[in-house]
Every structure is written in structure tokens, then in C-alpha cells.
């Protein structure tokens, strides 16, 4: 699978999200994500607005579904989402319901293994239940809390190659990655690269003389798209 660049619109205002998305698409981003903060703030209306503005662009609704899986997936599909997110920590019946809704309404299902006791097993569990993608995810509060206690902050890169090697569906790594680390995800076998927005592009190698954010983002997209996804050898 060729690398894909997804921008997570973790904003709380639809007008700002639309403006950021427009800039991102011009710069070469492939997928848009209605981030959880945007869905909480704007709900289905925000997803509809993104779909209206970008009719041909894949649109991920980061619901982090834990229950009511079929209805949530159906609602987001009808609002224009092409991908929905369900959590591995949900009951398996919820995951099955989201997968069924995905089939019924033509949307893909991304399973998120955040806080699963064994993240590799969590990824396999999601694949076994029919998810189309795995999101290998270390949560915001988890990272910050562990770091605040004086321990090393965990990273999705710690087990990313193990997760990729354990499943046969595409993997995405999320959670505290630096820009440089995110760009390198295809080298770990994870072709779906997520960039967060609001964007803070502070890597020296991607700064432009004018400080133009769109130009910097274009350079980042080109760096990701120029790679090949390096899959580990299966045992």
C-alpha cells in the first residue's frame, strides 16, 4: 500500500476546520479526519459540512465508539463519512455491529487498540472481528500522566512493527509522534500517516523561508508520498 497522508482536524469550530482542510488538500493531503473534538463540538453537522465542501475526499469520523455501534456508524455514514472508528476495548458485539454497519452503508471500519491490555493482541482481535484498518494508539492522557510521574513516555513506535507483523490489514500509528517520527511511519510498515491540526510545523528540515504553513505541509506530504511501505517479513 502506498503511503497515505491523513490530517486530523482536532478543532472545535467548523469554519476553522474547513479552512484548515482546504489548505491541507491544496498541499497534497489524501484523507480528512473529523477529529473527536470536532465531532463533540459540531456533531453530524460538522461531518456534513466537510462532505459538502470536499465531495470526493475520504473522510474519517473519529467517533471512538464504545457502544451503540450500528447506530453511530450508520449516522456518520449517512452524514458523509467514509471511515468510522471503533475501540478494541468495546465489547466484541459492538465491534461486530460497527463492522456490519460498515458493510450495510459502504464505510470502512478502523479499529483503535488504545489501552487494550496487550496492544498486539488488540490489533489481532480487531482484524479477526472484521475491521479494515488498525489504529495503533497511545492516548493523550496516558502519555502525559506517565511522563508526569517521571517515567518514560510511551510511544506507538515501541510496538509498531510488532503490530504490523501481527495483522494483514493496514496500520496507522497515533499518539505523541514528532513530525519526523510520523513521516517515517511507512518505514515501520504503517502506510497511513496522521498529521495533527492545529499544525505546529517546527522541524527545521521543513521550514520555508517565508514561514508559509501550506508550503511546509506540501513538503511533508511529498516526503511521505515518496516512500515505499516497508512491511516486516511474516514468520
Protein backbone atom coordinates (compact mmCIF):
# COMPACT_ATOMS: atom_id res chain seq x y z
CA UNK A 1 0.00 0.00 0.00
CA UNK A 2 1.32 3.42 -0.97
CA UNK A 3 1.60 5.88 1.94
CA UNK A 4 -1.49 7.98 2.60
CA UNK A 5 -1.47 11.31 4.44
CA UNK A 6 -4.41 11.96 6.76
CA UNK A 7 -4.93 15.24 8.58
CA UNK A 8 -6.73 15.10 11.91
CA UNK A 9 -8.93 18.17 12.30
CA UNK A 10 -8.80 18.29 16.10
CA UNK A 11 -10.55 21.65 16.17
CA UNK A 12 -13.74 22.79 17.86
CA UNK A 13 -15.03 25.18 15.21
CA UNK A 14 -16.28 24.02 11.81
CA UNK A 15 -15.25 27.20 9.98
CA UNK A 16 -11.68 26.82 11.21
CA UNK A 17 -11.77 23.11 10.33
CA UNK A 18 -12.98 23.87 6.79
CA UNK A 19 -10.26 26.48 6.30
CA UNK A 20 -7.57 24.10 7.55
CA UNK A 21 -8.92 21.25 5.43
CA UNK A 22 -8.90 23.39 2.29
CA UNK A 23 -5.27 24.31 2.87
CA UNK A 24 -4.38 20.68 3.57
CA UNK A 25 -5.99 19.39 0.38
CA UNK A 26 -4.16 22.00 -1.67
CA UNK A 27 -0.91 20.86 -0.03
CA UNK A 28 -1.47 17.22 -1.01
CA UNK A 29 -3.21 15.59 1.97
CA UNK A 30 -5.20 12.50 0.92
CA UNK A 31 -7.71 11.94 3.75
CA UNK A 32 -9.53 14.28 6.12
CA UNK A 33 -10.43 13.31 9.67
CA UNK A 34 -13.23 14.85 11.68
CA UNK A 35 -11.34 14.60 14.97
CA UNK A 36 -13.08 13.72 18.22
CA UNK A 37 -13.04 17.36 19.48
CA UNK A 38 -14.71 18.49 16.24
CA UNK A 39 -17.35 15.77 16.45
CA UNK A 40 -18.06 16.68 20.08
CA UNK A 41 -18.38 20.36 19.16
CA UNK A 42 -20.20 20.12 15.83
CA UNK A 43 -21.55 16.57 15.63
CA UNK A 44 -23.11 15.30 12.42
CA UNK A 45 -23.40 18.85 11.12
CA UNK A 46 -19.61 19.18 11.07
CA UNK A 47 -19.24 15.92 9.14
CA UNK A 48 -21.90 17.04 6.65
CA UNK A 49 -20.15 20.39 6.13
CA UNK A 50 -16.84 18.65 5.42
CA UNK A 51 -18.53 16.28 2.98
CA UNK A 52 -20.26 19.16 1.18
CA UNK A 53 -17.00 21.07 0.87
CA UNK A 54 -14.87 18.08 -0.17
CA UNK A 55 -17.19 15.67 -2.01
CA UNK A 56 -14.55 13.27 -3.32
CA UNK A 57 -12.19 13.10 -0.35
CA UNK A 58 -12.12 10.14 2.09
CA UNK A 59 -13.47 11.35 5.44
CA UNK A 60 -12.73 9.62 8.75
CA UNK A 61 -15.14 10.19 11.65
CA UNK A 62 -13.13 9.58 14.82
CA UNK A 63 -16.07 8.52 16.97
CA UNK A 64 -14.11 6.24 19.30
CA UNK A 65 -17.29 4.15 19.51
CA UNK A 66 -17.75 2.10 22.69
CA UNK A 67 -21.45 1.20 22.46
CA UNK A 68 -24.40 1.65 20.14
CA UNK A 69 -22.08 0.71 17.34
CA UNK A 70 -24.52 0.15 14.50
CA UNK A 71 -26.44 3.41 15.00
CA UNK A 72 -23.33 5.54 15.41
CA UNK A 73 -21.73 4.13 12.28
CA UNK A 74 -24.98 4.47 10.33
CA UNK A 75 -25.41 8.11 11.36
CA UNK A 76 -21.88 9.05 10.38
CA UNK A 77 -22.11 7.15 7.08
CA UNK A 78 -25.31 8.98 6.17
CA UNK A 79 -23.65 12.29 7.09
CA UNK A 80 -20.87 11.56 4.60
CA UNK A 81 -18.12 9.74 6.48
CA UNK A 82 -16.27 7.06 4.55
CA UNK A 83 -14.46 5.64 7.61
CA UNK A 84 -15.54 5.25 11.25
CA UNK A 85 -13.55 4.36 14.37
CA UNK A 86 -14.44 1.74 16.99
CA UNK A 87 -12.41 0.90 20.08
CA UNK A 88 -10.87 -2.51 20.79
CA UNK A 89 -11.93 -2.05 24.43
CA UNK A 90 -15.56 -2.03 23.35
CA UNK A 91 -17.46 -5.28 23.70
CA UNK A 92 -16.91 -7.55 20.73
CA UNK A 93 -20.62 -7.32 19.91
CA UNK A 94 -20.23 -3.55 19.48
CA UNK A 95 -17.31 -4.07 17.11
CA UNK A 96 -19.34 -6.62 15.15
CA UNK A 97 -22.21 -4.12 14.91
CA UNK A 98 -19.91 -1.40 13.55
CA UNK A 99 -18.45 -3.85 11.02
CA UNK A 100 -21.96 -4.86 9.92
CA UNK A 101 -22.98 -1.21 9.56
CA UNK A 102 -19.84 -0.65 7.52
CA UNK A 103 -20.96 -3.36 5.11
CA UNK A 104 -24.53 -2.11 5.02
CA UNK A 105 -23.67 1.54 4.38
CA UNK A 106 -20.42 1.24 2.44
CA UNK A 107 -17.99 2.63 5.00
CA UNK A 108 -14.66 1.24 6.17
CA UNK A 109 -14.02 0.43 9.84
CA UNK A 110 -10.89 1.50 11.68
CA UNK A 111 -10.30 -0.36 14.95
CA UNK A 112 -8.38 1.53 17.66
CA UNK A 113 -6.33 -0.54 20.13
CA UNK A 114 -5.82 2.28 22.68
CA UNK A 115 -5.49 0.98 26.29
CA UNK A 116 -6.01 -2.63 25.25
CA UNK A 117 -4.05 -4.73 27.79
CA UNK A 118 -1.92 -6.31 25.07
CA UNK A 119 -1.82 -3.95 22.10
CA UNK A 120 -0.60 -6.56 19.64
CA UNK A 121 -3.40 -8.91 20.66
CA UNK A 122 -5.79 -5.98 20.48
CA UNK A 123 -4.83 -5.40 16.87
CA UNK A 124 -5.36 -9.07 16.02
CA UNK A 125 -8.70 -9.02 17.85
CA UNK A 126 -9.87 -6.09 15.71
CA UNK A 127 -8.78 -7.78 12.49
CA UNK A 128 -10.46 -11.04 13.48
CA UNK A 129 -13.74 -9.19 14.02
CA UNK A 130 -13.63 -7.71 10.53
CA UNK A 131 -12.08 -4.25 10.88
CA UNK A 132 -10.49 -2.88 7.72
CA UNK A 133 -7.67 -0.96 9.44
CA UNK A 134 -5.91 -0.89 12.80
CA UNK A 135 -5.11 2.35 14.63
CA UNK A 136 -2.21 1.65 16.99
CA UNK A 137 -2.78 4.39 19.55
CA UNK A 138 -1.19 5.67 22.76
CA UNK A 139 -3.64 8.08 24.38
CA UNK A 140 -3.00 11.72 25.28
CA UNK A 141 -3.78 11.40 28.99
CA UNK A 142 -1.84 8.15 29.25
CA UNK A 143 1.28 9.68 27.71
CA UNK A 144 1.15 12.84 29.80
CA UNK A 145 0.35 11.07 33.05
CA UNK A 146 3.19 8.59 32.70
CA UNK A 147 5.64 11.37 31.81
CA UNK A 148 4.45 13.49 34.75
CA UNK A 149 5.25 10.63 37.13
CA UNK A 150 8.87 10.69 35.95
CA UNK A 151 8.66 7.61 33.78
CA UNK A 152 9.47 7.38 30.09
CA UNK A 153 6.59 8.49 27.90
CA UNK A 154 5.34 5.54 25.82
CA UNK A 155 5.25 5.84 22.03
CA UNK A 156 3.32 3.98 19.34
CA UNK A 157 6.70 3.24 17.77
CA UNK A 158 7.58 0.97 20.72
CA UNK A 159 5.42 -1.86 19.35
CA UNK A 160 4.53 -0.62 15.89
CA UNK A 161 6.47 -3.24 13.96
CA UNK A 162 5.04 -5.99 16.18
CA UNK A 163 1.52 -4.76 15.49
CA UNK A 164 2.18 -4.51 11.74
CA UNK A 165 3.65 -8.00 11.73
CA UNK A 166 0.67 -9.47 13.58
CA UNK A 167 -2.07 -8.35 11.16
CA UNK A 168 -2.78 -8.40 7.45
CA UNK A 169 -4.62 -5.07 7.26
CA UNK A 170 -3.10 -1.56 7.07
CA UNK A 171 -1.93 0.05 10.31
CA UNK A 172 -1.86 3.65 11.43
CA UNK A 173 0.24 4.89 14.37
CA UNK A 174 -1.16 7.69 16.55
CA UNK A 175 -0.16 9.38 19.77
CA UNK A 176 2.58 11.86 20.55
CA UNK A 177 4.71 11.27 17.48
CA UNK A 178 7.00 14.07 16.42
CA UNK A 179 6.72 15.26 12.87
CA UNK A 180 9.88 13.39 11.93
CA UNK A 181 8.57 10.18 13.51
CA UNK A 182 5.23 10.45 11.74
CA UNK A 183 6.94 10.88 8.39
CA UNK A 184 8.92 7.68 8.98
CA UNK A 185 5.88 5.52 9.79
CA UNK A 186 5.87 3.83 6.35
CA UNK A 187 9.37 2.56 7.14
CA UNK A 188 7.81 0.68 10.09
CA UNK A 189 5.20 -0.83 7.78
CA UNK A 190 2.42 1.64 8.69
CA UNK A 191 1.30 3.42 5.48
CA UNK A 192 -1.44 5.62 6.97
CA UNK A 193 0.33 8.70 8.29
CA UNK A 194 -1.61 11.09 10.52
CA UNK A 195 -0.74 14.75 10.88
CA UNK A 196 -2.48 16.67 13.64
CA UNK A 197 -4.18 20.02 13.23
CA UNK A 198 -3.84 22.65 14.61
CA UNK A 199 -0.50 22.17 12.87
CA UNK A 200 2.76 23.11 14.51
CA UNK A 201 5.48 22.59 11.95
CA UNK A 202 8.74 23.21 13.75
CA UNK A 203 11.07 20.70 12.09
CA UNK A 204 14.00 22.61 10.63
CA UNK A 205 14.05 20.48 7.51
CA UNK A 206 10.50 21.52 6.63
CA UNK A 207 10.60 25.22 7.42
CA UNK A 208 10.29 27.51 4.44
CA UNK A 209 11.97 30.88 4.06
CA UNK A 210 8.60 32.62 4.25
CA UNK A 211 7.32 30.50 7.12
CA UNK A 212 4.36 29.57 4.90
CA UNK A 213 2.43 26.72 6.54
CA UNK A 214 0.92 25.44 3.31
CA UNK A 215 4.30 25.21 1.60
CA UNK A 216 5.72 23.36 4.60
CA UNK A 217 2.81 20.93 4.61
CA UNK A 218 3.28 20.34 0.88
CA UNK A 219 6.92 19.39 1.53
CA UNK A 220 5.83 16.99 4.27
CA UNK A 221 3.24 15.33 2.00
CA UNK A 222 5.85 14.93 -0.73
CA UNK A 223 8.29 13.36 1.75
CA UNK A 224 5.65 10.83 2.84
CA UNK A 225 4.33 10.06 -0.65
CA UNK A 226 7.85 9.46 -1.99
CA UNK A 227 8.36 6.46 0.31
CA UNK A 228 7.55 2.80 -0.06
CA UNK A 229 5.82 0.99 2.80
CA UNK A 230 8.32 -1.47 4.29
CA UNK A 231 6.40 -4.48 5.56
CA UNK A 232 8.08 -6.88 8.01
CA UNK A 233 8.70 -10.47 6.98
CA UNK A 234 5.89 -12.70 8.21
CA UNK A 235 7.02 -15.72 10.27
